[in-house]
Amino acid sequence: MRGLLLACALALAAWPGRAADVEQRFITIGTDSVTSSYYAAGGAVCRMVNRARESHGLRCAVEPTGGSVYNLNTIRSGELDFGIVRSDRSFEAQNGAVRFEAQSPFTELRAVFALHSEPLTVLVRADSAVRRFADLRYRRIALADPLSSARLSTQAVLAAFGWTAVDDVDTGAGPLCDGRVSALAFTAAHPSAAVQQAFRCDLRVLPVTGRSVDQVLAEYPYYRRAEVPGGLYPGNPAYAASMGPGAVLMASAAMPEETVHALVRSVFGDFARFHRLHPTLYHLRAEDMATRGYTAPLHPGALRYYREQGWR
């Protein structure tokens, strides 16, 4: 009997794919506040990693943080394994610019994959004569709350077009519905509660297209073409083309190749499940996530998986 029990134990120990056979490792993904799209996206990544943990031994935890700049600094220091970062902030860190001028360029920063875009979303009244984005130049545009990161991001995008604020205007949809401003603009992941709340009157999502957009995209590599999906907001059944920054999952070059490869394989190996985990992920395309939307070099673990799939 003892011999039989020993034989069974040895057989179970040799069974492939059991968590006990794989070295266990805990990884963390830094995001943003718990109400943010970054926290939701990080949670979705961790759910996919944890579903497959018996095959690779990784246990993933999502961590609310102060956002992109915090995530970049803590990836650099080794406090975080991964972080979700806005594309313009990662470019600044790579080059030691703007908020990172006091530091040397973060040359060891690596992209894992792009996530959702945060397109410049411009709302005008449904009865407005404004039909083109260029028509808004020199007009009054309301922005998001002065203390919000969305306002800073929107100002940066508008500045890329050479548009600068000459005074403070009222914020939110009230001035737009009352006719005191011509448009309301902010960068946002969609669907957006902020956009939904703005529809207190009949509004139209204005496409952000034209020669000036092409020029900005050529000059600023951290912006990407994007769209506001149709059917999300009242009276706007069709998508509206736009552009803006986007979210990127990032790590340091010091992160082991096998760890990154396992994370990427967990997400893309069951992509239909992944993109159903949150509305901001629904419109993502796997190959686009692997090939566009970031400026940092790809981590070797991610690059290896994308080559295995024929995407690179």
C-alpha atoms as a PDB file:
ATOM      1  CA  MET A   1       0.000   0.000   0.000  1.00  0.00           C
ATOM      2  CA  ARG A   2       2.828   2.358   0.882  1.00  0.00           C
ATOM      3  CA  GLY A   3       4.460   1.625  -2.463  1.00  0.00           C
ATOM      4  CA  LEU A   4       1.215   2.443  -4.254  1.00  0.00           C
ATOM      5  CA  LEU A   5       0.837   5.783  -2.428  1.00  0.00           C
ATOM      6  CA  LEU A   6       4.428   6.726  -3.242  1.00  0.00           C
ATOM      7  CA  ALA A   7       3.897   5.883  -6.898  1.00  0.00           C
ATOM      8  CA  CYS A   8       0.759   8.069  -6.990  1.00  0.00           C
ATOM      9  CA  ALA A   9       2.594  10.952  -5.350  1.00  0.00           C
ATOM     10  CA  LEU A  10       5.407  10.758  -7.873  1.00  0.00           C
ATOM     11  CA  ALA A  11       2.936  10.650 -10.738  1.00  0.00           C
ATOM     12  CA  LEU A  12       1.134  13.757  -9.484  1.00  0.00           C
ATOM     13  CA  ALA A  13       4.415  15.589  -9.009  1.00  0.00           C
ATOM     14  CA  ALA A  14       5.285  14.886 -12.626  1.00  0.00           C
ATOM     15  CA  TRP A  15       1.890  16.085 -13.949  1.00  0.00           C
ATOM     16  CA  PRO A  16       2.499  18.983 -16.378  1.00  0.00           C
ATOM     17  CA  GLY A  17       1.192  22.483 -15.794  1.00  0.00           C
ATOM     18  CA  ARG A  18       0.726  22.315 -12.013  1.00  0.00           C
ATOM     19  CA  ALA A  19       1.555  25.533 -10.121  1.00  0.00           C
ATOM     20  CA  ALA A  20       3.840  23.627  -7.764  1.00  0.00           C
ATOM     21  CA  ASP A  21       6.116  22.765 -10.695  1.00  0.00           C
ATOM     22  CA  VAL A  22       6.590  26.415 -11.697  1.00  0.00           C
ATOM     23  CA  GLU A  23       8.561  28.998  -9.774  1.00  0.00           C
ATOM     24  CA  GLN A  24       6.090  31.367  -8.137  1.00  0.00           C
ATOM     25  CA  ARG A  25       6.537  35.100  -8.611  1.00  0.00           C
ATOM     26  CA  PHE A  26       4.357  38.044  -7.645  1.00  0.00           C
ATOM     27  CA  ILE A  27       4.154  41.026  -9.982  1.00  0.00           C
ATOM     28  CA  THR A  28       2.467  44.396  -9.541  1.00  0.00           C
ATOM     29  CA  ILE A  29       0.954  46.757 -12.099  1.00  0.00           C
ATOM     30  CA  GLY A  30       0.768  50.432 -11.154  1.00  0.00           C
ATOM     31  CA  THR A  31      -2.256  52.248 -12.550  1.00  0.00           C
ATOM     32  CA  ASP A  32      -4.073  55.378 -11.308  1.00  0.00           C
ATOM     33  CA  SER A  33      -7.025  56.022  -8.994  1.00  0.00           C
ATOM     34  CA  VAL A  34      -9.490  53.175  -8.463  1.00  0.00           C
ATOM     35  CA  THR A  35     -12.098  54.969 -10.609  1.00  0.00           C
ATOM     36  CA  SER A  36      -9.758  55.392 -13.578  1.00  0.00           C
ATOM     37  CA  SER A  37      -9.587  53.547 -16.880  1.00  0.00           C
ATOM     38  CA  TYR A  38      -5.959  52.690 -16.033  1.00  0.00           C
ATOM     39  CA  TYR A  39      -7.022  50.830 -12.896  1.00  0.00           C
ATOM     40  CA  ALA A  40      -9.658  48.943 -14.874  1.00  0.00           C
ATOM     41  CA  ALA A  41      -7.179  48.030 -17.606  1.00  0.00           C
ATOM     42  CA  GLY A  42      -4.554  46.941 -15.083  1.00  0.00           C
ATOM     43  CA  GLY A  43      -7.147  44.817 -13.344  1.00  0.00           C
ATOM     44  CA  ALA A  44      -8.051  43.156 -16.640  1.00  0.00           C
ATOM     45  CA  VAL A  45      -4.400  42.328 -17.356  1.00  0.00           C
ATOM     46  CA  CYS A  46      -4.000  40.847 -13.884  1.00  0.00           C
ATOM     47  CA  ARG A  47      -7.136  38.741 -14.271  1.00  0.00           C
ATOM     48  CA  MET A  48      -5.740  37.223 -17.463  1.00  0.00           C
ATOM     49  CA  VAL A  49      -2.351  36.563 -15.854  1.00  0.00           C
ATOM     50  CA  ASN A  50      -3.915  34.981 -12.788  1.00  0.00           C
ATOM     51  CA  ARG A  51      -6.182  32.746 -14.878  1.00  0.00           C
ATOM     52  CA  ALA A  52      -3.082  31.199 -16.444  1.00  0.00           C
ATOM     53  CA  ARG A  53      -0.912  31.169 -13.315  1.00  0.00           C
ATOM     54  CA  GLU A  54      -0.616  27.373 -13.191  1.00  0.00           C
ATOM     55  CA  SER A  55       1.263  27.443 -16.487  1.00  0.00           C
ATOM     56  CA  HIS A  56       3.743  30.193 -15.635  1.00  0.00           C
ATOM     57  CA  GLY A  57       3.714  30.725 -11.859  1.00  0.00           C
ATOM     58  CA  LEU A  58       2.958  34.469 -11.957  1.00  0.00           C
ATOM     59  CA  ARG A  59       0.538  36.083  -9.515  1.00  0.00           C
ATOM     60  CA  CYS A  60      -0.500  39.586 -10.515  1.00  0.00           C
ATOM     61  CA  ALA A  61      -1.817  42.417  -8.345  1.00  0.00           C
ATOM     62  CA  VAL A  62      -3.118  45.775  -9.543  1.00  0.00           C
ATOM     63  CA  GLU A  63      -2.066  48.796  -7.497  1.00  0.00           C
ATOM     64  CA  PRO A  64      -3.808  52.197  -7.445  1.00  0.00           C
ATOM     65  CA  THR A  65      -1.246  54.983  -7.731  1.00  0.00           C
ATOM     66  CA  GLY A  66      -0.854  58.656  -8.514  1.00  0.00           C
ATOM     67  CA  GLY A  67      -0.790  58.028 -12.255  1.00  0.00           C
ATOM     68  CA  SER A  68       1.707  58.067 -15.101  1.00  0.00           C
ATOM     69  CA  VAL A  69       4.530  60.106 -13.574  1.00  0.00           C
ATOM     70  CA  TYR A  70       4.437  58.107 -10.349  1.00  0.00           C
ATOM     71  CA  ASN A  71       4.395  54.845 -12.296  1.00  0.00           C
ATOM     72  CA  LEU A  72       7.389  55.852 -14.383  1.00  0.00           C
ATOM     73  CA  ASN A  73       9.428  56.870 -11.356  1.00  0.00           C
ATOM     74  CA  THR A  74       8.622  53.678  -9.447  1.00  0.00           C
ATOM     75  CA  ILE A  75       9.316  51.444 -12.447  1.00  0.00           C
ATOM     76  CA  ARG A  76      12.675  53.183 -12.669  1.00  0.00           C
ATOM     77  CA  SER A  77      13.407  52.633  -8.964  1.00  0.00           C
ATOM     78  CA  GLY A  78      12.257  49.017  -9.082  1.00  0.00           C
ATOM     79  CA  GLU A  79       9.329  49.504  -6.694  1.00  0.00           C
ATOM     80  CA  LEU A  80       6.832  48.553  -9.411  1.00  0.00           C
ATOM     81  CA  ASP A  81       7.217  45.736 -11.928  1.00  0.00           C
ATOM     82  CA  PHE A  82       4.872  47.188 -14.537  1.00  0.00           C
ATOM     83  CA  GLY A  83       2.929  50.407 -14.923  1.00  0.00           C
ATOM     84  CA  ILE A  84       0.293  51.875 -17.197  1.00  0.00           C
ATOM     85  CA  VAL A  85       1.560  55.166 -18.536  1.00  0.00           C
ATOM     86  CA  ARG A  86       0.207  57.806 -20.894  1.00  0.00           C
ATOM     87  CA  SER A  87       2.219  57.856 -24.103  1.00  0.00           C
ATOM     88  CA  ASP A  88       3.320  61.492 -23.901  1.00  0.00           C
ATOM     89  CA  ARG A  89       4.584  61.009 -20.352  1.00  0.00           C
ATOM     90  CA  SER A  90       6.630  57.958 -21.359  1.00  0.00           C
ATOM     91  CA  PHE A  91       8.205  59.981 -24.190  1.00  0.00           C
ATOM     92  CA  GLU A  92       9.135  62.722 -21.728  1.00  0.00           C
ATOM     93  CA  ALA A  93      10.720  60.180 -19.378  1.00  0.00           C
ATOM     94  CA  GLN A  94      12.664  58.538 -22.211  1.00  0.00           C
ATOM     95  CA  ASN A  95      14.125  61.891 -23.163  1.00  0.00           C
ATOM     96  CA  GLY A  96      14.491  63.507 -19.744  1.00  0.00           C
ATOM     97  CA  ALA A  97      12.093  66.279 -20.759  1.00  0.00           C
ATOM     98  CA  VAL A  98       9.408  68.447 -19.135  1.00  0.00           C
ATOM     99  CA  ARG A  99       8.495  66.735 -15.826  1.00  0.00           C
ATOM    100  CA  PHE A 100      11.662  64.632 -15.965  1.00  0.00           C
ATOM    101  CA  GLU A 101      14.219  67.354 -16.688  1.00  0.00           C
ATOM    102  CA  ALA A 102      15.871  66.846 -13.299  1.00  0.00           C
ATOM    103  CA  GLN A 103      16.580  63.215 -14.149  1.00  0.00           C
ATOM    104  CA  SER A 104      18.701  61.574 -16.798  1.00  0.00           C
ATOM    105  CA  PRO A 105      16.761  60.045 -19.709  1.00  0.00           C
ATOM    106  CA  PHE A 106      15.086  56.766 -18.761  1.00  0.00           C
ATOM    107  CA  THR A 107      16.857  54.742 -21.443  1.00  0.00           C
ATOM    108  CA  GLU A 108      15.894  51.408 -19.862  1.00  0.00           C
ATOM    109  CA  LEU A 109      12.148  52.050 -20.243  1.00  0.00           C
ATOM    110  CA  ARG A 110      10.445  49.381 -22.352  1.00  0.00           C
ATOM    111  CA  ALA A 111       6.973  49.052 -23.866  1.00  0.00           C
ATOM    112  CA  VAL A 112       4.980  45.862 -23.401  1.00  0.00           C
ATOM    113  CA  PHE A 113       1.844  46.738 -25.372  1.00  0.00           C
ATOM    114  CA  ALA A 114      -0.441  49.671 -26.081  1.00  0.00           C
ATOM    115  CA  LEU A 115      -3.848  49.859 -24.474  1.00  0.00           C
ATOM    116  CA  HIS A 116      -6.813  52.166 -25.096  1.00  0.00           C
ATOM    117  CA  SER A 117      -6.450  55.573 -26.704  1.00  0.00           C
ATOM    118  CA  GLU A 118      -7.484  58.838 -25.045  1.00  0.00           C
ATOM    119  CA  PRO A 119      -8.626  60.846 -28.064  1.00  0.00           C
ATOM    120  CA  LEU A 120      -9.194  64.573 -28.079  1.00  0.00           C
ATOM    121  CA  THR A 121     -12.967  64.663 -27.717  1.00  0.00           C
ATOM    122  CA  VAL A 122     -14.617  67.852 -28.926  1.00  0.00           C
ATOM    123  CA  LEU A 123     -18.307  68.496 -28.333  1.00  0.00           C
ATOM    124  CA  VAL A 124     -20.324  71.226 -30.052  1.00  0.00           C
ATOM    125  CA  ARG A 125     -24.016  71.984 -29.912  1.00  0.00           C
ATOM    126  CA  ALA A 126     -26.048  69.940 -32.357  1.00  0.00           C
ATOM    127  CA  ASP A 127     -27.256  73.162 -34.033  1.00  0.00           C
ATOM    128  CA  SER A 128     -23.764  74.686 -34.238  1.00  0.00           C
ATOM    129  CA  ALA A 129     -22.460  75.982 -37.552  1.00  0.00           C
ATOM    130  CA  VAL A 130     -19.044  74.544 -36.662  1.00  0.00           C
ATOM    131  CA  ARG A 131     -18.428  71.557 -38.948  1.00  0.00           C
ATOM    132  CA  ARG A 132     -14.647  71.254 -38.970  1.00  0.00           C
ATOM    133  CA  PHE A 133     -12.113  71.166 -36.175  1.00  0.00           C
ATOM    134  CA  ALA A 134     -10.222  74.030 -37.847  1.00  0.00           C
ATOM    135  CA  ASP A 135     -13.343  76.220 -37.509  1.00  0.00           C
ATOM    136  CA  LEU A 136     -12.731  76.382 -33.761  1.00  0.00           C
ATOM    137  CA  ARG A 137      -9.467  78.288 -34.018  1.00  0.00           C
ATOM    138  CA  TYR A 138      -9.748  81.597 -32.128  1.00  0.00           C
ATOM    139  CA  ARG A 139     -13.113  80.570 -30.657  1.00  0.00           C
ATOM    140  CA  ARG A 140     -13.834  80.039 -26.980  1.00  0.00           C
ATOM    141  CA  ILE A 141     -13.466  76.416 -25.913  1.00  0.00           C
ATOM    142  CA  ALA A 142     -14.366  75.142 -22.458  1.00  0.00           C
ATOM    143  CA  LEU A 143     -12.041  72.588 -20.898  1.00  0.00           C
ATOM    144  CA  ALA A 144     -12.259  70.081 -18.058  1.00  0.00           C
ATOM    145  CA  ASP A 145     -11.986  70.971 -14.396  1.00  0.00           C
ATOM    146  CA  PRO A 146      -8.813  73.036 -13.718  1.00  0.00           C
ATOM    147  CA  LEU A 147      -7.515  70.478 -11.211  1.00  0.00           C
ATOM    148  CA  SER A 148      -7.955  67.444 -13.457  1.00  0.00           C
ATOM    149  CA  SER A 149      -5.246  65.619 -15.390  1.00  0.00           C
ATOM    150  CA  ALA A 150      -7.623  65.583 -18.373  1.00  0.00           C
ATOM    151  CA  ARG A 151      -7.410  69.371 -18.556  1.00  0.00           C
ATOM    152  CA  LEU A 152      -3.604  69.320 -18.619  1.00  0.00           C
ATOM    153  CA  SER A 153      -3.630  66.637 -21.297  1.00  0.00           C
ATOM    154  CA  THR A 154      -6.150  68.583 -23.385  1.00  0.00           C
ATOM    155  CA  GLN A 155      -4.118  71.775 -23.107  1.00  0.00           C
ATOM    156  CA  ALA A 156      -1.034  69.887 -24.262  1.00  0.00           C
ATOM    157  CA  VAL A 157      -2.836  68.485 -27.303  1.00  0.00           C
ATOM    158  CA  LEU A 158      -4.289  71.881 -28.247  1.00  0.00           C
ATOM    159  CA  ALA A 159      -0.857  73.473 -27.767  1.00  0.00           C
ATOM    160  CA  ALA A 160       0.519  71.032 -30.343  1.00  0.00           C
ATOM    161  CA  PHE A 161      -1.824  72.731 -32.825  1.00  0.00           C
ATOM    162  CA  GLY A 162      -0.494  76.116 -31.768  1.00  0.00           C
ATOM    163  CA  TRP A 163      -3.670  76.915 -29.829  1.00  0.00           C
ATOM    164  CA  THR A 164      -3.029  78.546 -26.470  1.00  0.00           C
ATOM    165  CA  ALA A 165      -5.421  79.815 -23.841  1.00  0.00           C
ATOM    166  CA  VAL A 166      -5.493  83.593 -23.450  1.00  0.00           C
ATOM    167  CA  ASP A 167      -7.788  83.573 -20.420  1.00  0.00           C
ATOM    168  CA  ASP A 168      -9.683  81.215 -18.194  1.00  0.00           C
ATOM    169  CA  VAL A 169     -13.141  80.226 -19.370  1.00  0.00           C
ATOM    170  CA  ASP A 170     -15.878  78.394 -17.586  1.00  0.00           C
ATOM    171  CA  THR A 171     -15.547  74.638 -17.402  1.00  0.00           C
ATOM    172  CA  GLY A 172     -17.968  71.854 -18.180  1.00  0.00           C
ATOM    173  CA  ALA A 173     -21.025  71.573 -20.394  1.00  0.00           C
ATOM    174  CA  GLY A 174     -23.038  74.436 -18.890  1.00  0.00           C
ATOM    175  CA  PRO A 175     -21.341  77.215 -20.880  1.00  0.00           C
ATOM    176  CA  LEU A 176     -21.607  75.147 -24.066  1.00  0.00           C
ATOM    177  CA  CYS A 177     -25.320  74.475 -23.671  1.00  0.00           C
ATOM    178  CA  ASP A 178     -25.883  78.145 -22.790  1.00  0.00           C
ATOM    179  CA  GLY A 179     -23.995  79.318 -25.892  1.00  0.00           C
ATOM    180  CA  ARG A 180     -21.229  81.067 -23.958  1.00  0.00           C
ATOM    181  CA  VAL A 181     -18.527  78.913 -25.597  1.00  0.00           C
ATOM    182  CA  SER A 182     -18.318  77.211 -28.986  1.00  0.00           C
ATOM    183  CA  ALA A 183     -17.084  73.818 -27.831  1.00  0.00           C
ATOM    184  CA  LEU A 184     -16.137  71.625 -24.908  1.00  0.00           C
ATOM    185  CA  ALA A 185     -12.875  69.693 -25.308  1.00  0.00           C
ATOM    186  CA  PHE A 186     -11.045  67.085 -23.278  1.00  0.00           C
ATOM    187  CA  THR A 187      -9.036  63.921 -23.721  1.00  0.00           C
ATOM    188  CA  ALA A 188     -10.824  60.813 -22.524  1.00  0.00           C
ATOM    189  CA  ALA A 189     -10.959  57.055 -22.754  1.00  0.00           C
ATOM    190  CA  HIS A 190     -14.326  55.887 -24.042  1.00  0.00           C
ATOM    191  CA  PRO A 191     -16.945  55.263 -22.886  1.00  0.00           C
ATOM    192  CA  SER A 192     -16.473  58.253 -20.613  1.00  0.00           C
ATOM    193  CA  ALA A 193     -18.715  59.223 -17.717  1.00  0.00           C
ATOM    194  CA  ALA A 194     -17.545  62.820 -18.124  1.00  0.00           C
ATOM    195  CA  VAL A 195     -18.678  62.886 -21.754  1.00  0.00           C
ATOM    196  CA  GLN A 196     -21.972  61.224 -20.859  1.00  0.00           C
ATOM    197  CA  GLN A 197     -22.637  63.827 -18.177  1.00  0.00           C
ATOM    198  CA  ALA A 198     -21.983  66.621 -20.680  1.00  0.00           C
ATOM    199  CA  PHE A 199     -25.025  65.651 -22.729  1.00  0.00           C
ATOM    200  CA  ARG A 200     -27.439  67.846 -20.785  1.00  0.00           C
ATOM    201  CA  CYS A 201     -28.384  69.421 -24.115  1.00  0.00           C
ATOM    202  CA  ASP A 202     -28.224  68.186 -27.726  1.00  0.00           C
ATOM    203  CA  LEU A 203     -24.559  67.870 -28.603  1.00  0.00           C
ATOM    204  CA  ARG A 204     -22.483  66.557 -31.474  1.00  0.00           C
ATOM    205  CA  VAL A 205     -19.033  64.920 -31.360  1.00  0.00           C
ATOM    206  CA  LEU A 206     -16.875  66.890 -33.795  1.00  0.00           C
ATOM    207  CA  PRO A 207     -14.326  64.905 -35.844  1.00  0.00           C
ATOM    208  CA  VAL A 208     -10.743  66.035 -35.273  1.00  0.00           C
ATOM    209  CA  THR A 209      -9.282  65.715 -38.752  1.00  0.00           C
ATOM    210  CA  GLY A 210      -7.512  67.779 -41.380  1.00  0.00           C
ATOM    211  CA  ARG A 211      -4.063  68.870 -42.472  1.00  0.00           C
ATOM    212  CA  SER A 212      -3.183  70.290 -39.066  1.00  0.00           C
ATOM    213  CA  VAL A 213      -3.899  66.895 -37.481  1.00  0.00           C
ATOM    214  CA  ASP A 214      -1.612  65.178 -39.981  1.00  0.00           C
ATOM    215  CA  GLN A 215       1.124  67.677 -39.176  1.00  0.00           C
ATOM    216  CA  VAL A 216       0.786  67.186 -35.421  1.00  0.00           C
ATOM    217  CA  LEU A 217       0.904  63.403 -35.770  1.00  0.00           C
ATOM    218  CA  ALA A 218       4.052  63.673 -37.887  1.00  0.00           C
ATOM    219  CA  GLU A 219       5.745  65.959 -35.363  1.00  0.00           C
ATOM    220  CA  TYR A 220       4.676  64.310 -32.104  1.00  0.00           C
ATOM    221  CA  PRO A 221       5.259  60.528 -32.171  1.00  0.00           C
ATOM    222  CA  TYR A 222       3.464  59.956 -28.864  1.00  0.00           C
ATOM    223  CA  TYR A 223       0.089  60.916 -30.355  1.00  0.00           C
ATOM    224  CA  ARG A 224      -1.861  58.406 -32.412  1.00  0.00           C
ATOM    225  CA  ARG A 225      -4.886  58.340 -34.648  1.00  0.00           C
ATOM    226  CA  ALA A 226      -7.953  57.321 -32.692  1.00  0.00           C
ATOM    227  CA  GLU A 227     -11.707  57.567 -32.773  1.00  0.00           C
ATOM    228  CA  VAL A 228     -14.664  58.197 -30.533  1.00  0.00           C
ATOM    229  CA  PRO A 229     -16.829  55.095 -31.064  1.00  0.00           C
ATOM    230  CA  GLY A 230     -20.331  55.592 -32.380  1.00  0.00           C
ATOM    231  CA  GLY A 231     -23.426  54.704 -30.426  1.00  0.00           C
ATOM    232  CA  LEU A 232     -22.008  55.576 -27.009  1.00  0.00           C
ATOM    233  CA  TYR A 233     -23.588  59.007 -26.618  1.00  0.00           C
ATOM    234  CA  PRO A 234     -27.069  60.366 -27.418  1.00  0.00           C
ATOM    235  CA  GLY A 235     -27.550  61.514 -31.011  1.00  0.00           C
ATOM    236  CA  ASN A 236     -24.104  60.309 -32.155  1.00  0.00           C
ATOM    237  CA  PRO A 237     -24.551  56.934 -33.873  1.00  0.00           C
ATOM    238  CA  ALA A 238     -21.402  57.167 -36.046  1.00  0.00           C
ATOM    239  CA  TYR A 239     -17.775  57.127 -34.970  1.00  0.00           C
ATOM    240  CA  ALA A 240     -15.804  60.386 -35.024  1.00  0.00           C
ATOM    241  CA  ALA A 241     -12.158  60.293 -36.100  1.00  0.00           C
ATOM    242  CA  SER A 242      -9.703  61.993 -33.783  1.00  0.00           C
ATOM    243  CA  MET A 243      -6.196  61.749 -32.308  1.00  0.00           C
ATOM    244  CA  GLY A 244      -4.478  61.987 -28.969  1.00  0.00           C
ATOM    245  CA  PRO A 245      -2.328  60.171 -26.436  1.00  0.00           C
ATOM    246  CA  GLY A 246      -2.958  56.639 -25.266  1.00  0.00           C
ATOM    247  CA  ALA A 247      -2.257  54.252 -22.438  1.00  0.00           C
ATOM    248  CA  VAL A 248       0.741  51.910 -22.624  1.00  0.00           C
ATOM    249  CA  LEU A 249       1.770  49.038 -20.361  1.00  0.00           C
ATOM    250  CA  MET A 250       5.459  49.538 -19.573  1.00  0.00           C
ATOM    251  CA  ALA A 251       8.303  47.892 -17.687  1.00  0.00           C
ATOM    252  CA  SER A 252      12.030  48.257 -17.216  1.00  0.00           C
ATOM    253  CA  ALA A 253      14.531  46.442 -19.402  1.00  0.00           C
ATOM    254  CA  ALA A 254      15.614  44.696 -16.185  1.00  0.00           C
ATOM    255  CA  MET A 255      12.317  42.792 -16.014  1.00  0.00           C
ATOM    256  CA  PRO A 256      13.078  39.142 -16.961  1.00  0.00           C
ATOM    257  CA  GLU A 257      12.197  38.199 -20.525  1.00  0.00           C
ATOM    258  CA  GLU A 258      10.262  35.110 -19.457  1.00  0.00           C
ATOM    259  CA  THR A 259       8.087  37.140 -17.078  1.00  0.00           C
ATOM    260  CA  VAL A 260       7.078  39.603 -19.776  1.00  0.00           C
ATOM    261  CA  HIS A 261       6.559  36.845 -22.329  1.00  0.00           C
ATOM    262  CA  ALA A 262       4.257  34.990 -19.912  1.00  0.00           C
ATOM    263  CA  LEU A 263       2.222  38.137 -19.190  1.00  0.00           C
ATOM    264  CA  VAL A 264       1.816  38.952 -22.882  1.00  0.00           C
ATOM    265  CA  ARG A 265       0.915  35.346 -23.724  1.00  0.00           C
ATOM    266  CA  SER A 266      -1.717  35.360 -20.967  1.00  0.00           C
ATOM    267  CA  VAL A 267      -3.429  38.430 -22.451  1.00  0.00           C
ATOM    268  CA  PHE A 268      -3.265  37.630 -26.158  1.00  0.00           C
ATOM    269  CA  GLY A 269      -3.714  33.886 -25.742  1.00  0.00           C
ATOM    270  CA  ASP A 270      -7.373  34.483 -24.843  1.00  0.00           C
ATOM    271  CA  PHE A 271      -7.902  37.909 -26.335  1.00  0.00           C
ATOM    272  CA  ALA A 272     -11.656  37.526 -26.824  1.00  0.00           C
ATOM    273  CA  ARG A 273     -12.005  37.201 -23.067  1.00  0.00           C
ATOM    274  CA  PHE A 274      -9.606  40.076 -22.343  1.00  0.00           C
ATOM    275  CA  HIS A 275     -11.332  42.703 -24.412  1.00  0.00           C
ATOM    276  CA  ARG A 276     -14.693  41.870 -22.825  1.00  0.00           C
ATOM    277  CA  LEU A 277     -13.407  42.612 -19.323  1.00  0.00           C
ATOM    278  CA  HIS A 278     -13.980  46.385 -19.559  1.00  0.00           C
ATOM    279  CA  PRO A 279     -15.709  48.683 -22.084  1.00  0.00           C
ATOM    280  CA  THR A 280     -12.509  50.696 -22.748  1.00  0.00           C
ATOM    281  CA  LEU A 281     -10.865  47.485 -24.000  1.00  0.00           C
ATOM    282  CA  TYR A 282     -13.679  46.386 -26.280  1.00  0.00           C
ATOM    283  CA  HIS A 283     -12.485  48.127 -29.451  1.00  0.00           C
ATOM    284  CA  LEU A 284      -8.832  47.096 -29.145  1.00  0.00           C
ATOM    285  CA  ARG A 285      -7.178  45.022 -31.858  1.00  0.00           C
ATOM    286  CA  ALA A 286      -4.419  42.665 -30.784  1.00  0.00           C
ATOM    287  CA  GLU A 287      -2.019  43.445 -33.625  1.00  0.00           C
ATOM    288  CA  ASP A 288      -2.431  47.206 -33.140  1.00  0.00           C
ATOM    289  CA  MET A 289      -1.577  46.846 -29.449  1.00  0.00           C
ATOM    290  CA  ALA A 290       1.615  45.053 -30.422  1.00  0.00           C
ATOM    291  CA  THR A 291       2.754  47.362 -33.205  1.00  0.00           C
ATOM    292  CA  ARG A 292       1.647  50.962 -32.576  1.00  0.00           C
ATOM    293  CA  GLY A 293       0.883  53.507 -29.895  1.00  0.00           C
ATOM    294  CA  TYR A 294       4.215  53.628 -28.035  1.00  0.00           C
ATOM    295  CA  THR A 295       7.624  55.267 -28.523  1.00  0.00           C
ATOM    296  CA  ALA A 296       9.844  53.234 -26.187  1.00  0.00           C
ATOM    297  CA  PRO A 297      11.576  50.107 -27.520  1.00  0.00           C
ATOM    298  CA  LEU A 298       9.651  46.888 -27.027  1.00  0.00           C
ATOM    299  CA  HIS A 299      10.702  44.666 -24.158  1.00  0.00           C
ATOM    300  CA  PRO A 300      12.429  41.516 -25.554  1.00  0.00           C
ATOM    301  CA  GLY A 301       9.829  39.277 -23.908  1.00  0.00           C
ATOM    302  CA  ALA A 302       7.005  41.098 -25.675  1.00  0.00           C
ATOM    303  CA  LEU A 303       8.889  41.278 -28.964  1.00  0.00           C
ATOM    304  CA  ARG A 304       9.498  37.540 -28.868  1.00  0.00           C
ATOM    305  CA  TYR A 305       5.792  36.807 -28.515  1.00  0.00           C
ATOM    306  CA  TYR A 306       4.828  39.220 -31.310  1.00  0.00           C
ATOM    307  CA  ARG A 307       7.342  37.599 -33.641  1.00  0.00           C
ATOM    308  CA  GLU A 308       5.901  34.197 -32.755  1.00  0.00           C
ATOM    309  CA  GLN A 309       2.508  35.509 -33.888  1.00  0.00           C
ATOM    310  CA  GLY A 310       3.882  37.069 -37.077  1.00  0.00           C
ATOM    311  CA  TRP A 311       2.992  40.596 -35.964  1.00  0.00           C
ATOM    312  CA  ARG A 312       6.563  41.935 -36.085  1.00  0.00           C
END
